[in-house]
Protein backbone atom coordinates (compact mmCIF):
# COMPACT_ATOMS: atom_id res chain seq x y z
CA UNK A 1 40.49 30.43 7.63
CA UNK A 2 38.56 32.09 4.89
CA UNK A 3 36.72 35.57 5.75
CA UNK A 4 34.65 35.44 3.43
CA UNK A 5 31.28 35.72 4.21
CA UNK A 6 29.03 34.10 1.20
CA UNK A 7 26.28 37.07 0.80
CA UNK A 8 22.47 35.42 -0.03
CA UNK A 9 20.30 37.49 -2.32
CA UNK A 10 16.93 38.69 -0.59
CA UNK A 11 15.01 37.22 -3.15
CA UNK A 12 16.83 34.20 -5.38
CA UNK A 13 13.60 34.42 -7.19
CA UNK A 14 15.19 37.27 -9.18
CA UNK A 15 18.34 35.64 -9.53
CA UNK A 16 16.74 32.60 -11.58
CA UNK A 17 14.78 35.09 -13.65
CA UNK A 18 16.86 38.33 -14.34
CA UNK A 19 18.47 37.15 -17.63
CA UNK A 20 14.98 36.75 -19.60
CA UNK A 21 14.47 40.06 -17.77
CA UNK A 22 17.20 41.93 -19.38
CA UNK A 23 17.20 40.20 -22.94
CA UNK A 24 13.12 41.30 -22.71
CA UNK A 25 14.51 44.90 -21.78
CA UNK A 26 16.41 47.35 -19.84
CA UNK A 27 13.34 48.63 -17.39
CA UNK A 28 11.35 47.73 -14.50
CA UNK A 29 9.05 47.30 -16.01
CA UNK A 30 9.79 44.03 -18.04
CA UNK A 31 10.65 42.73 -14.69
CA UNK A 32 6.99 43.01 -13.71
CA UNK A 33 5.84 42.20 -16.62
CA UNK A 34 7.56 38.81 -17.09
CA UNK A 35 6.38 38.08 -12.92
CA UNK A 36 2.79 39.13 -13.69
CA UNK A 37 3.12 36.47 -16.86
CA UNK A 38 4.66 33.47 -14.43
CA UNK A 39 1.55 34.48 -12.01
CA UNK A 40 -0.85 34.53 -14.48
CA UNK A 41 0.30 30.52 -15.49
CA UNK A 42 0.45 29.62 -11.89
CA UNK A 43 -3.36 31.41 -11.57
CA UNK A 44 -4.32 28.56 -14.48
CA UNK A 45 -3.06 25.50 -14.17
CA UNK A 46 -4.86 26.09 -10.10
CA UNK A 47 -7.85 26.77 -12.15
CA UNK A 48 -7.74 23.48 -13.98
CA UNK A 49 -7.33 21.56 -10.81
CA UNK A 50 -9.58 22.97 -9.16
CA UNK A 51 -12.48 23.30 -12.04
CA UNK A 52 -13.28 19.17 -11.61
CA UNK A 53 -13.05 19.27 -7.81
CA UNK A 54 -15.54 21.87 -7.76
CA UNK A 55 -17.79 19.92 -10.15
CA UNK A 56 -17.66 16.73 -8.16
CA UNK A 57 -18.77 19.43 -5.02
CA UNK A 58 -21.54 20.46 -7.33
CA UNK A 59 -22.84 16.84 -8.60
CA UNK A 60 -22.96 15.23 -5.22
CA UNK A 61 -24.36 18.87 -3.60
CA UNK A 62 -27.12 17.98 -6.75
CA UNK A 63 -27.77 14.28 -5.21
CA UNK A 64 -27.65 15.11 -1.86
CA UNK A 65 -30.66 17.98 -2.56
CA UNK A 66 -32.83 16.41 -5.44
CA UNK A 67 -32.76 12.87 -3.61
CA UNK A 68 -35.69 13.76 -1.48
CA UNK A 69 -37.60 14.58 -4.54
CA UNK A 70 -37.08 11.07 -6.03
CA UNK A 71 -40.42 9.64 -6.44
CA UNK A 72 -41.12 6.52 -4.64
CA UNK A 73 -42.74 3.43 -4.78
CA UNK A 74 -45.33 3.68 -2.71
CA UNK A 75 -45.91 6.98 -4.75
CA UNK A 76 -46.52 4.68 -7.97
CA UNK A 77 -48.88 2.80 -5.77
CA UNK A 78 -50.93 5.53 -4.48
CA UNK A 79 -54.26 6.28 -7.20
CA UNK A 80 -55.21 9.60 -6.49
CA UNK A 81 -59.03 11.58 -7.82
CA UNK A 82 -57.52 15.12 -8.08
CA UNK A 83 -58.41 16.77 -11.74
CA UNK A 84 -60.28 13.48 -12.77
CA UNK A 85 -63.86 14.10 -14.56
CA UNK A 86 -66.93 12.76 -12.44
């Protein structure tokens, strides 16, 4: 029976990206810059996903609001003499 226990790191994402951070620089700032770049990449991807969704919501809102302002057939059939010269 083995008494050796495996230690799982508290933050497994650090284990994945420590080599590129070390290659970039030795200081803690390099690690922060790497994670900041990863976060900005994720933000851009989320923006690209949500942009068409938000455009669709605005388009549907536009249709619902301005549908009541569309002229009806009765509006064309009625004639009014407002502004006509007498």
